[in-house]
Full PDB file with SEQRES, HELIX, SHEET, SSBOND, CRYST1, ORIGX, SCALE, CONECT and MASTER records, all heavy atoms in Angstrom:
SEQRES   1 A   39  THR LEU VAL ALA THR LYS ARG VAL LEU ALA TRP ARG ILE          
SEQRES   2 A   39  ALA GLU LEU MET LYS LYS GLN ARG VAL THR LYS THR LEU          
SEQRES   3 A   39  LEU ALA LYS ARG MET LYS THR SER ARG ALA ALA LEU ASP          
HELIX    1 AA1 LEU A    2  GLN A   20  1                                  19    
HELIX    2 AA2 LYS A   24  MET A   31  1                                   8    
HELIX    3 AA3 ARG A   35  LEU A   38  1                                   4    
CRYST1    1.000    1.000    1.000  90.00  90.00  90.00 P 1           1          
ORIGX1      1.000000  0.000000  0.000000        0.00000                         
ORIGX2      0.000000  1.000000  0.000000        0.00000                         
ORIGX3      0.000000  0.000000  1.000000        0.00000                         
SCALE1      1.000000  0.000000  0.000000        0.00000                         
SCALE2      0.000000  1.000000  0.000000        0.00000                         
SCALE3      0.000000  0.000000  1.000000        0.00000                         
ATOM      1  N   THR A   1     -30.568 -19.426  15.866  1.00  0.00           N  
ATOM      2  CA  THR A   1     -29.377 -20.142  16.308  1.00  0.00           C  
ATOM      3  C   THR A   1     -28.142 -19.657  15.556  1.00  0.00           C  
ATOM      4  O   THR A   1     -27.081 -19.459  16.157  1.00  0.00           O  
ATOM      5  CB  THR A   1     -29.561 -21.662  16.125  1.00  0.00           C  
ATOM      6  OG1 THR A   1     -30.697 -22.072  16.885  1.00  0.00           O  
ATOM      7  CG2 THR A   1     -28.342 -22.431  16.568  1.00  0.00           C  
ATOM      8  N   LEU A   2     -28.274 -19.438  14.255  1.00  0.00           N  
ATOM      9  CA  LEU A   2     -27.150 -18.933  13.457  1.00  0.00           C  
ATOM     10  C   LEU A   2     -26.710 -17.552  13.928  1.00  0.00           C  
ATOM     11  O   LEU A   2     -25.516 -17.290  14.092  1.00  0.00           O  
ATOM     12  CB  LEU A   2     -27.514 -18.881  11.974  1.00  0.00           C  
ATOM     13  CG  LEU A   2     -27.590 -20.207  11.249  1.00  0.00           C  
ATOM     14  CD1 LEU A   2     -28.113 -20.005   9.830  1.00  0.00           C  
ATOM     15  CD2 LEU A   2     -26.247 -20.889  11.229  1.00  0.00           C  
ATOM     16  N   VAL A   3     -27.671 -16.673  14.155  1.00  0.00           N  
ATOM     17  CA  VAL A   3     -27.340 -15.318  14.606  1.00  0.00           C  
ATOM     18  C   VAL A   3     -26.701 -15.366  15.989  1.00  0.00           C  
ATOM     19  O   VAL A   3     -25.698 -14.686  16.245  1.00  0.00           O  
ATOM     20  CB  VAL A   3     -28.583 -14.406  14.591  1.00  0.00           C  
ATOM     21  CG1 VAL A   3     -28.296 -13.079  15.277  1.00  0.00           C  
ATOM     22  CG2 VAL A   3     -29.045 -14.159  13.160  1.00  0.00           C  
ATOM     23  N   ALA A   4     -27.234 -16.188  16.879  1.00  0.00           N  
ATOM     24  CA  ALA A   4     -26.675 -16.298  18.234  1.00  0.00           C  
ATOM     25  C   ALA A   4     -25.247 -16.833  18.187  1.00  0.00           C  
ATOM     26  O   ALA A   4     -24.360 -16.325  18.881  1.00  0.00           O  
ATOM     27  CB  ALA A   4     -27.550 -17.193  19.100  1.00  0.00           C  
ATOM     28  N   THR A   5     -25.008 -17.839  17.366  1.00  0.00           N  
ATOM     29  CA  THR A   5     -23.671 -18.410  17.228  1.00  0.00           C  
ATOM     30  C   THR A   5     -22.700 -17.365  16.686  1.00  0.00           C  
ATOM     31  O   THR A   5     -21.582 -17.216  17.177  1.00  0.00           O  
ATOM     32  CB  THR A   5     -23.698 -19.644  16.308  1.00  0.00           C  
ATOM     33  OG1 THR A   5     -24.594 -20.606  16.863  1.00  0.00           O  
ATOM     34  CG2 THR A   5     -22.326 -20.259  16.142  1.00  0.00           C  
ATOM     35  N   LYS A   6     -23.117 -16.628  15.676  1.00  0.00           N  
ATOM     36  CA  LYS A   6     -22.266 -15.591  15.078  1.00  0.00           C  
ATOM     37  C   LYS A   6     -21.971 -14.492  16.092  1.00  0.00           C  
ATOM     38  O   LYS A   6     -20.853 -13.983  16.175  1.00  0.00           O  
ATOM     39  CB  LYS A   6     -22.936 -15.016  13.828  1.00  0.00           C  
ATOM     40  CG  LYS A   6     -22.169 -13.871  13.190  1.00  0.00           C  
ATOM     41  CD  LYS A   6     -20.765 -14.290  12.791  1.00  0.00           C  
ATOM     42  CE  LYS A   6     -19.885 -13.220  12.247  1.00  0.00           C  
ATOM     43  NZ  LYS A   6     -20.332 -11.964  11.865  1.00  0.00           N  
ATOM     44  N   ARG A   7     -22.966 -14.114  16.887  1.00  0.00           N  
ATOM     45  CA  ARG A   7     -22.745 -13.074  17.897  1.00  0.00           C  
ATOM     46  C   ARG A   7     -21.704 -13.504  18.921  1.00  0.00           C  
ATOM     47  O   ARG A   7     -20.852 -12.718  19.327  1.00  0.00           O  
ATOM     48  CB  ARG A   7     -24.051 -12.713  18.590  1.00  0.00           C  
ATOM     49  CG  ARG A   7     -24.933 -11.863  17.731  1.00  0.00           C  
ATOM     50  CD  ARG A   7     -26.181 -11.444  18.438  1.00  0.00           C  
ATOM     51  NE  ARG A   7     -26.917 -10.538  17.564  1.00  0.00           N  
ATOM     52  CZ  ARG A   7     -28.132 -10.139  17.781  1.00  0.00           C  
ATOM     53  NH1 ARG A   7     -28.792 -10.542  18.853  1.00  0.00           N  
ATOM     54  NH2 ARG A   7     -28.724  -9.326  16.939  1.00  0.00           N  
ATOM     55  N   VAL A   8     -21.766 -14.762  19.325  1.00  0.00           N  
ATOM     56  CA  VAL A   8     -20.783 -15.272  20.288  1.00  0.00           C  
ATOM     57  C   VAL A   8     -19.392 -15.268  19.660  1.00  0.00           C  
ATOM     58  O   VAL A   8     -18.414 -14.865  20.290  1.00  0.00           O  
ATOM     59  CB  VAL A   8     -21.172 -16.683  20.784  1.00  0.00           C  
ATOM     60  CG1 VAL A   8     -20.040 -17.312  21.584  1.00  0.00           C  
ATOM     61  CG2 VAL A   8     -22.446 -16.615  21.611  1.00  0.00           C  
ATOM     62  N   LEU A   9     -19.294 -15.706  18.415  1.00  0.00           N  
ATOM     63  CA  LEU A   9     -18.000 -15.723  17.728  1.00  0.00           C  
ATOM     64  C   LEU A   9     -17.439 -14.306  17.594  1.00  0.00           C  
ATOM     65  O   LEU A   9     -16.270 -14.070  17.900  1.00  0.00           O  
ATOM     66  CB  LEU A   9     -18.136 -16.368  16.343  1.00  0.00           C  
ATOM     67  CG  LEU A   9     -16.871 -16.385  15.503  1.00  0.00           C  
ATOM     68  CD1 LEU A   9     -15.821 -17.293  16.132  1.00  0.00           C  
ATOM     69  CD2 LEU A   9     -17.173 -16.821  14.091  1.00  0.00           C  
ATOM     70  N   ALA A  10     -18.259 -13.373  17.151  1.00  0.00           N  
ATOM     71  CA  ALA A  10     -17.800 -11.984  16.989  1.00  0.00           C  
ATOM     72  C   ALA A  10     -17.373 -11.400  18.330  1.00  0.00           C  
ATOM     73  O   ALA A  10     -16.336 -10.728  18.424  1.00  0.00           O  
ATOM     74  CB  ALA A  10     -18.907 -11.130  16.367  1.00  0.00           C  
ATOM     75  N   TRP A  11     -18.139 -11.679  19.375  1.00  0.00           N  
ATOM     76  CA  TRP A  11     -17.801 -11.188  20.714  1.00  0.00           C  
ATOM     77  C   TRP A  11     -16.474 -11.775  21.185  1.00  0.00           C  
ATOM     78  O   TRP A  11     -15.621 -11.068  21.703  1.00  0.00           O  
ATOM     79  CB  TRP A  11     -18.918 -11.539  21.694  1.00  0.00           C  
ATOM     80  CG  TRP A  11     -18.568 -11.239  23.114  1.00  0.00           C  
ATOM     81  CD1 TRP A  11     -18.622 -10.018  23.729  1.00  0.00           C  
ATOM     82  CD2 TRP A  11     -18.076 -12.166  24.080  1.00  0.00           C  
ATOM     83  NE1 TRP A  11     -18.203 -10.138  25.031  1.00  0.00           N  
ATOM     84  CE2 TRP A  11     -17.863 -11.446  25.280  1.00  0.00           C  
ATOM     85  CE3 TRP A  11     -17.811 -13.528  24.065  1.00  0.00           C  
ATOM     86  CZ2 TRP A  11     -17.386 -12.048  26.432  1.00  0.00           C  
ATOM     87  CZ3 TRP A  11     -17.340 -14.129  25.224  1.00  0.00           C  
ATOM     88  CH2 TRP A  11     -17.131 -13.394  26.384  1.00  0.00           C  
ATOM     89  N   ARG A  12     -16.292 -13.075  20.973  1.00  0.00           N  
ATOM     90  CA  ARG A  12     -15.063 -13.747  21.416  1.00  0.00           C  
ATOM     91  C   ARG A  12     -13.840 -13.193  20.690  1.00  0.00           C  
ATOM     92  O   ARG A  12     -12.797 -12.949  21.305  1.00  0.00           O  
ATOM     93  CB  ARG A  12     -15.195 -15.256  21.198  1.00  0.00           C  
ATOM     94  CG  ARG A  12     -14.018 -16.054  21.642  1.00  0.00           C  
ATOM     95  CD  ARG A  12     -13.923 -16.106  23.166  1.00  0.00           C  
ATOM     96  NE  ARG A  12     -12.851 -17.016  23.526  1.00  0.00           N  
ATOM     97  CZ  ARG A  12     -11.793 -16.647  24.256  1.00  0.00           C  
ATOM     98  NH1 ARG A  12     -11.703 -15.445  24.750  1.00  0.00           N  
ATOM     99  NH2 ARG A  12     -10.841 -17.506  24.521  1.00  0.00           N  
ATOM    100  N   ILE A  13     -13.953 -12.978  19.397  1.00  0.00           N  
ATOM    101  CA  ILE A  13     -12.839 -12.424  18.631  1.00  0.00           C  
ATOM    102  C   ILE A  13     -12.531 -11.004  19.100  1.00  0.00           C  
ATOM    103  O   ILE A  13     -11.370 -10.642  19.310  1.00  0.00           O  
ATOM    104  CB  ILE A  13     -13.120 -12.468  17.116  1.00  0.00           C  
ATOM    105  CG1 ILE A  13     -13.068 -13.930  16.643  1.00  0.00           C  
ATOM    106  CG2 ILE A  13     -12.126 -11.614  16.332  1.00  0.00           C  
ATOM    107  CD1 ILE A  13     -13.524 -14.152  15.238  1.00  0.00           C  
ATOM    108  N   ALA A  14     -13.562 -10.198  19.317  1.00  0.00           N  
ATOM    109  CA  ALA A  14     -13.358  -8.831  19.808  1.00  0.00           C  
ATOM    110  C   ALA A  14     -12.687  -8.838  21.187  1.00  0.00           C  
ATOM    111  O   ALA A  14     -11.804  -8.020  21.450  1.00  0.00           O  
ATOM    112  CB  ALA A  14     -14.686  -8.085  19.856  1.00  0.00           C  
ATOM    113  N   GLU A  15     -13.083  -9.755  22.057  1.00  0.00           N  
ATOM    114  CA  GLU A  15     -12.470  -9.858  23.383  1.00  0.00           C  
ATOM    115  C   GLU A  15     -11.000 -10.261  23.293  1.00  0.00           C  
ATOM    116  O   GLU A  15     -10.161  -9.722  24.005  1.00  0.00           O  
ATOM    117  CB  GLU A  15     -13.231 -10.866  24.249  1.00  0.00           C  
ATOM    118  CG  GLU A  15     -14.588 -10.375  24.712  1.00  0.00           C  
ATOM    119  CD  GLU A  15     -14.479  -9.153  25.613  1.00  0.00           C  
ATOM    120  OE1 GLU A  15     -13.743  -9.205  26.605  1.00  0.00           O  
ATOM    121  OE2 GLU A  15     -15.146  -8.149  25.309  1.00  0.00           O  
ATOM    122  N   LEU A  16     -10.690 -11.195  22.399  1.00  0.00           N  
ATOM    123  CA  LEU A  16      -9.299 -11.599  22.206  1.00  0.00           C  
ATOM    124  C   LEU A  16      -8.468 -10.446  21.644  1.00  0.00           C  
ATOM    125  O   LEU A  16      -7.313 -10.248  22.042  1.00  0.00           O  
ATOM    126  CB  LEU A  16      -9.215 -12.809  21.275  1.00  0.00           C  
ATOM    127  CG  LEU A  16      -9.668 -14.132  21.876  1.00  0.00           C  
ATOM    128  CD1 LEU A  16      -9.887 -15.176  20.783  1.00  0.00           C  
ATOM    129  CD2 LEU A  16      -8.647 -14.632  22.890  1.00  0.00           C  
ATOM    130  N   MET A  17      -9.063  -9.673  20.747  1.00  0.00           N  
ATOM    131  CA  MET A  17      -8.367  -8.518  20.191  1.00  0.00           C  
ATOM    132  C   MET A  17      -8.037  -7.516  21.296  1.00  0.00           C  
ATOM    133  O   MET A  17      -6.920  -7.001  21.349  1.00  0.00           O  
ATOM    134  CB  MET A  17      -9.213  -7.852  19.098  1.00  0.00           C  
ATOM    135  CG  MET A  17      -9.312  -8.648  17.822  1.00  0.00           C  
ATOM    136  SD  MET A  17     -10.498  -7.934  16.653  1.00  0.00           S  
ATOM    137  CE  MET A  17      -9.710  -6.365  16.280  1.00  0.00           C  
ATOM    138  N   LYS A  18      -9.006  -7.249  22.171  1.00  0.00           N  
ATOM    139  CA  LYS A  18      -8.765  -6.321  23.286  1.00  0.00           C  
ATOM    140  C   LYS A  18      -7.665  -6.839  24.199  1.00  0.00           C  
ATOM    141  O   LYS A  18      -6.751  -6.104  24.560  1.00  0.00           O  
ATOM    142  CB  LYS A  18     -10.048  -6.137  24.107  1.00  0.00           C  
ATOM    143  CG  LYS A  18     -11.005  -5.132  23.553  1.00  0.00           C  
ATOM    144  CD  LYS A  18     -12.094  -4.866  24.577  1.00  0.00           C  
ATOM    145  CE  LYS A  18     -13.436  -5.074  23.939  1.00  0.00           C  
ATOM    146  NZ  LYS A  18     -14.541  -4.972  24.888  1.00  0.00           N  
ATOM    147  N   LYS A  19      -7.770  -8.107  24.563  1.00  0.00           N  
ATOM    148  CA  LYS A  19      -6.804  -8.713  25.481  1.00  0.00           C  
ATOM    149  C   LYS A  19      -5.392  -8.663  24.915  1.00  0.00           C  
ATOM    150  O   LYS A  19      -4.427  -8.404  25.635  1.00  0.00           O  
ATOM    151  CB  LYS A  19      -7.213 -10.152  25.778  1.00  0.00           C  
ATOM    152  CG  LYS A  19      -6.329 -10.853  26.781  1.00  0.00           C  
ATOM    153  CD  LYS A  19      -6.831 -12.259  27.054  1.00  0.00           C  
ATOM    154  CE  LYS A  19      -5.936 -12.965  28.052  1.00  0.00           C  
ATOM    155  NZ  LYS A  19      -6.362 -14.338  28.286  1.00  0.00           N  
ATOM    156  N   GLN A  20      -5.276  -8.918  23.611  1.00  0.00           N  
ATOM    157  CA  GLN A  20      -3.963  -8.946  22.965  1.00  0.00           C  
ATOM    158  C   GLN A  20      -3.561  -7.583  22.400  1.00  0.00           C  
ATOM    159  O   GLN A  20      -2.492  -7.458  21.804  1.00  0.00           O  
ATOM    160  CB  GLN A  20      -3.960 -10.009  21.854  1.00  0.00           C  
ATOM    161  CG  GLN A  20      -4.167 -11.406  22.381  1.00  0.00           C  
ATOM    162  CD  GLN A  20      -4.224 -12.447  21.267  1.00  0.00           C  
ATOM    163  OE1 GLN A  20      -3.721 -12.235  20.162  1.00  0.00           O  
ATOM    164  NE2 GLN A  20      -4.842 -13.590  21.561  1.00  0.00           N  
ATOM    165  N   ARG A  21      -4.423  -6.597  22.567  1.00  0.00           N  
ATOM    166  CA  ARG A  21      -4.182  -5.244  22.057  1.00  0.00           C  
ATOM    167  C   ARG A  21      -3.886  -5.236  20.563  1.00  0.00           C  
ATOM    168  O   ARG A  21      -2.898  -4.637  20.092  1.00  0.00           O  
ATOM    169  CB  ARG A  21      -3.075  -4.562  22.839  1.00  0.00           C  
ATOM    170  CG  ARG A  21      -3.432  -4.401  24.288  1.00  0.00           C  
ATOM    171  CD  ARG A  21      -2.377  -3.728  25.067  1.00  0.00           C  
ATOM    172  NE  ARG A  21      -2.799  -3.683  26.465  1.00  0.00           N  
ATOM    173  CZ  ARG A  21      -2.221  -2.961  27.371  1.00  0.00           C  
ATOM    174  NH1 ARG A  21      -1.195  -2.219  27.068  1.00  0.00           N  
ATOM    175  NH2 ARG A  21      -2.658  -2.982  28.614  1.00  0.00           N  
ATOM    176  N   VAL A  22      -4.753  -5.923  19.834  1.00  0.00           N  
ATOM    177  CA  VAL A  22      -4.645  -6.019  18.375  1.00  0.00           C  
ATOM    178  C   VAL A  22      -5.750  -5.154  17.769  1.00  0.00           C  
ATOM    179  O   VAL A  22      -6.925  -5.343  18.078  1.00  0.00           O  
ATOM    180  CB  VAL A  22      -4.791  -7.482  17.902  1.00  0.00           C  
ATOM    181  CG1 VAL A  22      -4.807  -7.572  16.388  1.00  0.00           C  
ATOM    182  CG2 VAL A  22      -3.682  -8.342  18.487  1.00  0.00           C  
ATOM    183  N   THR A  23      -5.368  -4.202  16.930  1.00  0.00           N  
ATOM    184  CA  THR A  23      -6.351  -3.346  16.268  1.00  0.00           C  
ATOM    185  C   THR A  23      -6.979  -4.080  15.088  1.00  0.00           C  
ATOM    186  O   THR A  23      -6.450  -5.098  14.615  1.00  0.00           O  
ATOM    187  CB  THR A  23      -5.690  -2.059  15.750  1.00  0.00           C  
ATOM    188  OG1 THR A  23      -4.739  -2.418  14.719  1.00  0.00           O  
ATOM    189  CG2 THR A  23      -5.020  -1.287  16.870  1.00  0.00           C  
ATOM    190  N   LYS A  24      -8.081  -3.532  14.597  1.00  0.00           N  
ATOM    191  CA  LYS A  24      -8.720  -4.115  13.418  1.00  0.00           C  
ATOM    192  C   LYS A  24      -7.776  -4.093  12.225  1.00  0.00           C  
ATOM    193  O   LYS A  24      -7.684  -5.061  11.473  1.00  0.00           O  
ATOM    194  CB  LYS A  24      -9.998  -3.355  13.067  1.00  0.00           C  
ATOM    195  CG  LYS A  24     -11.151  -3.610  13.994  1.00  0.00           C  
ATOM    196  CD  LYS A  24     -12.357  -2.827  13.493  1.00  0.00           C  
ATOM    197  CE  LYS A  24     -13.571  -3.050  14.343  1.00  0.00           C  
ATOM    198  NZ  LYS A  24     -14.737  -2.307  13.823  1.00  0.00           N  
ATOM    199  N   THR A  25      -7.081  -2.976  12.066  1.00  0.00           N  
ATOM    200  CA  THR A  25      -6.150  -2.850  10.937  1.00  0.00           C  
ATOM    201  C   THR A  25      -5.049  -3.899  11.018  1.00  0.00           C  
ATOM    202  O   THR A  25      -4.729  -4.559  10.019  1.00  0.00           O  
ATOM    203  CB  THR A  25      -5.545  -1.436  10.905  1.00  0.00           C  
ATOM    204  OG1 THR A  25      -6.610  -0.492  10.796  1.00  0.00           O  
ATOM    205  CG2 THR A  25      -4.590  -1.267   9.744  1.00  0.00           C  
ATOM    206  N   LEU A  26      -4.494  -4.085  12.202  1.00  0.00           N  
ATOM    207  CA  LEU A  26      -3.424  -5.066  12.373  1.00  0.00           C  
ATOM    208  C   LEU A  26      -3.935  -6.490  12.176  1.00  0.00           C  
ATOM    209  O   LEU A  26      -3.282  -7.302  11.513  1.00  0.00           O  
ATOM    210  CB  LEU A  26      -2.792  -4.920  13.762  1.00  0.00           C  
ATOM    211  CG  LEU A  26      -1.623  -5.859  14.078  1.00  0.00           C  
ATOM    212  CD1 LEU A  26      -0.509  -5.712  13.043  1.00  0.00           C  
ATOM    213  CD2 LEU A  26      -1.106  -5.591  15.481  1.00  0.00           C  
ATOM    214  N   LEU A  27      -5.112  -6.788  12.722  1.00  0.00           N  
ATOM    215  CA  LEU A  27      -5.668  -8.132  12.553  1.00  0.00           C  
ATOM    216  C   LEU A  27      -5.946  -8.418  11.083  1.00  0.00           C  
ATOM    217  O   LEU A  27      -5.614  -9.496  10.584  1.00  0.00           O  
ATOM    218  CB  LEU A  27      -6.935  -8.317  13.384  1.00  0.00           C  
ATOM    219  CG  LEU A  27      -7.550  -9.720  13.344  1.00  0.00           C  
ATOM    220  CD1 LEU A  27      -6.574 -10.763  13.866  1.00  0.00           C  
ATOM    221  CD2 LEU A  27      -8.847  -9.762  14.145  1.00  0.00           C  
ATOM    222  N   ALA A  28      -6.526  -7.462  10.382  1.00  0.00           N  
ATOM    223  CA  ALA A  28      -6.794  -7.642   8.954  1.00  0.00           C  
ATOM    224  C   ALA A  28      -5.500  -7.895   8.190  1.00  0.00           C  
ATOM    225  O   ALA A  28      -5.443  -8.774   7.321  1.00  0.00           O  
ATOM    226  CB  ALA A  28      -7.514  -6.424   8.391  1.00  0.00           C  
ATOM    227  N   LYS A  29      -4.451  -7.145   8.530  1.00  0.00           N  
ATOM    228  CA  LYS A  29      -3.154  -7.322   7.866  1.00  0.00           C  
ATOM    229  C   LYS A  29      -2.604  -8.719   8.140  1.00  0.00           C  
ATOM    230  O   LYS A  29      -2.143  -9.402   7.232  1.00  0.00           O  
ATOM    231  CB  LYS A  29      -2.179  -6.253   8.354  1.00  0.00           C  
ATOM    232  CG  LYS A  29      -0.857  -6.255   7.651  1.00  0.00           C  
ATOM    233  CD  LYS A  29       0.011  -5.100   8.128  1.00  0.00           C  
ATOM    234  CE  LYS A  29       1.329  -5.098   7.394  1.00  0.00           C  
ATOM    235  NZ  LYS A  29       2.173  -3.967   7.803  1.00  0.00           N  
ATOM    236  N   ARG A  30      -2.656  -9.146   9.395  1.00  0.00           N  
ATOM    237  CA  ARG A  30      -2.159 -10.479   9.750  1.00  0.00           C  
ATOM    238  C   ARG A  30      -2.976 -11.587   9.095  1.00  0.00           C  
ATOM    239  O   ARG A  30      -2.442 -12.649   8.773  1.00  0.00           O  
ATOM    240  CB  ARG A  30      -2.175 -10.667  11.266  1.00  0.00           C  
ATOM    241  CG  ARG A  30      -1.124  -9.858  11.984  1.00  0.00           C  
ATOM    242  CD  ARG A  30      -1.197 -10.084  13.468  1.00  0.00           C  
ATOM    243  NE  ARG A  30      -0.212  -9.300  14.193  1.00  0.00           N  
ATOM    244  CZ  ARG A  30      -0.157  -9.223  15.511  1.00  0.00           C  
ATOM    245  NH1 ARG A  30      -1.033  -9.869  16.266  1.00  0.00           N  
ATOM    246  NH2 ARG A  30       0.763  -8.487  16.081  1.00  0.00           N  
ATOM    247  N   MET A  31      -4.273 -11.346   8.910  1.00  0.00           N  
ATOM    248  CA  MET A  31      -5.147 -12.334   8.260  1.00  0.00           C  
ATOM    249  C   MET A  31      -5.005 -12.317   6.745  1.00  0.00           C  
ATOM    250  O   MET A  31      -5.546 -13.167   6.058  1.00  0.00           O  
ATOM    251  CB  MET A  31      -6.607 -12.058   8.619  1.00  0.00           C  
ATOM    252  CG  MET A  31      -6.974 -12.346  10.040  1.00  0.00           C  
ATOM    253  SD  MET A  31      -8.673 -11.813  10.414  1.00  0.00           S  
ATOM    254  CE  MET A  31      -9.622 -12.791   9.231  1.00  0.00           C  
ATOM    255  N   LYS A  32      -4.301 -11.284   6.234  1.00  0.00           N  
ATOM    256  CA  LYS A  32      -4.164 -11.081   4.784  1.00  0.00           C  
ATOM    257  C   LYS A  32      -5.534 -10.901   4.137  1.00  0.00           C  
ATOM    258  O   LYS A  32      -5.875 -11.540   3.142  1.00  0.00           O  
ATOM    259  CB  LYS A  32      -3.382 -12.214   4.135  1.00  0.00           C  
ATOM    260  CG  LYS A  32      -1.975 -12.303   4.665  1.00  0.00           C  
ATOM    261  CD  LYS A  32      -1.180 -13.390   4.004  1.00  0.00           C  
ATOM    262  CE  LYS A  32       0.221 -13.299   4.562  1.00  0.00           C  
ATOM    263  NZ  LYS A  32       0.883 -14.468   4.795  1.00  0.00           N  
ATOM    264  N   THR A  33      -6.308 -10.005   4.762  1.00  0.00           N  
ATOM    265  CA  THR A  33      -7.640  -9.692   4.255  1.00  0.00           C  
ATOM    266  C   THR A  33      -7.874  -8.199   4.398  1.00  0.00           C  
ATOM    267  O   THR A  33      -7.019  -7.467   4.890  1.00  0.00           O  
ATOM    268  CB  THR A  33      -8.727 -10.503   5.008  1.00  0.00           C  
ATOM    269  OG1 THR A  33      -9.953 -10.410   4.301  1.00  0.00           O  
ATOM    270  CG2 THR A  33      -8.909 -10.054   6.435  1.00  0.00           C  
ATOM    271  N   SER A  34      -9.023  -7.751   3.973  1.00  0.00           N  
ATOM    272  CA  SER A  34      -9.346  -6.324   4.050  1.00  0.00           C  
ATOM    273  C   SER A  34     -10.016  -5.985   5.379  1.00  0.00           C  
ATOM    274  O   SER A  34     -10.548  -6.857   6.062  1.00  0.00           O  
ATOM    275  CB  SER A  34     -10.290  -5.947   2.902  1.00  0.00           C  
ATOM    276  OG  SER A  34     -11.540  -6.583   3.093  1.00  0.00           O  
ATOM    277  N   ARG A  35      -9.993  -4.707   5.707  1.00  0.00           N  
ATOM    278  CA  ARG A  35     -10.710  -4.249   6.903  1.00  0.00           C  
ATOM    279  C   ARG A  35     -12.199  -4.513   6.741  1.00  0.00           C  
ATOM    280  O   ARG A  35     -12.894  -4.819   7.701  1.00  0.00           O  
ATOM    281  CB  ARG A  35     -10.509  -2.743   7.098  1.00  0.00           C  
ATOM    282  CG  ARG A  35      -9.462  -2.276   8.064  1.00  0.00           C  
ATOM    283  CD  ARG A  35      -9.771  -2.563   9.523  1.00  0.00           C  
ATOM    284  NE  ARG A  35     -10.947  -1.927  10.074  1.00  0.00           N  
ATOM    285  CZ  ARG A  35     -11.008  -0.735  10.588  1.00  0.00           C  
ATOM    286  NH1 ARG A  35      -9.945   0.024  10.615  1.00  0.00           N  
ATOM    287  NH2 ARG A  35     -12.123  -0.267  11.078  1.00  0.00           N  
ATOM    288  N   ALA A  36     -12.709  -4.376   5.502  1.00  0.00           N  
ATOM    289  CA  ALA A  36     -14.140  -4.609   5.252  1.00  0.00           C  
ATOM    290  C   ALA A  36     -14.517  -6.056   5.577  1.00  0.00           C  
ATOM    291  O   ALA A  36     -15.558  -6.316   6.181  1.00  0.00           O  
ATOM    292  CB  ALA A  36     -14.491  -4.278   3.808  1.00  0.00           C  
ATOM    293  N   ALA A  37     -13.659  -7.002   5.192  1.00  0.00           N  
ATOM    294  CA  ALA A  37     -13.927  -8.414   5.498  1.00  0.00           C  
ATOM    295  C   ALA A  37     -13.894  -8.648   7.001  1.00  0.00           C  
ATOM    296  O   ALA A  37     -14.715  -9.391   7.546  1.00  0.00           O  
ATOM    297  CB  ALA A  37     -12.912  -9.308   4.793  1.00  0.00           C  
ATOM    298  N   LEU A  38     -12.962  -8.001   7.681  1.00  0.00           N  
ATOM    299  CA  LEU A  38     -12.889  -8.133   9.129  1.00  0.00           C  
ATOM    300  C   LEU A  38     -14.108  -7.504   9.792  1.00  0.00           C  
ATOM    301  O   LEU A  38     -14.662  -8.057  10.747  1.00  0.00           O  
ATOM    302  CB  LEU A  38     -11.607  -7.497   9.665  1.00  0.00           C  
ATOM    303  CG  LEU A  38     -11.422  -7.596  11.185  1.00  0.00           C  
ATOM    304  CD1 LEU A  38     -11.408  -9.049  11.651  1.00  0.00           C  
ATOM    305  CD2 LEU A  38     -10.165  -6.890  11.607  1.00  0.00           C  
ATOM    306  N   ASP A  39     -14.551  -6.368   9.282  1.00  0.00           N  
ATOM    307  CA  ASP A  39     -15.753  -5.729   9.818  1.00  0.00           C  
ATOM    308  C   ASP A  39     -16.969  -6.646   9.676  1.00  0.00           C  
ATOM    309  O   ASP A  39     -17.807  -6.709  10.573  1.00  0.00           O  
ATOM    310  CB  ASP A  39     -16.017  -4.385   9.143  1.00  0.00           C  
ATOM    311  CG  ASP A  39     -15.067  -3.292   9.611  1.00  0.00           C  
ATOM    312  OD1 ASP A  39     -14.500  -3.424  10.723  1.00  0.00           O  
ATOM    313  OD2 ASP A  39     -14.883  -2.313   8.869  1.00  0.00           O  
TER     314      ASP A  39                                                      
MASTER        0    0    0    3    0    0    0    6  313    1    0    3          
END                                                                             
């Protein structure tokens, strides 16, 4: 259940990033975190 929930969350965030044309680097910067944490 934990893995399934996490997969849905990761998928949803990735879909929102695509829709909004936000790169990983830009999202990490806006979140004030590292690319590794975002990965």
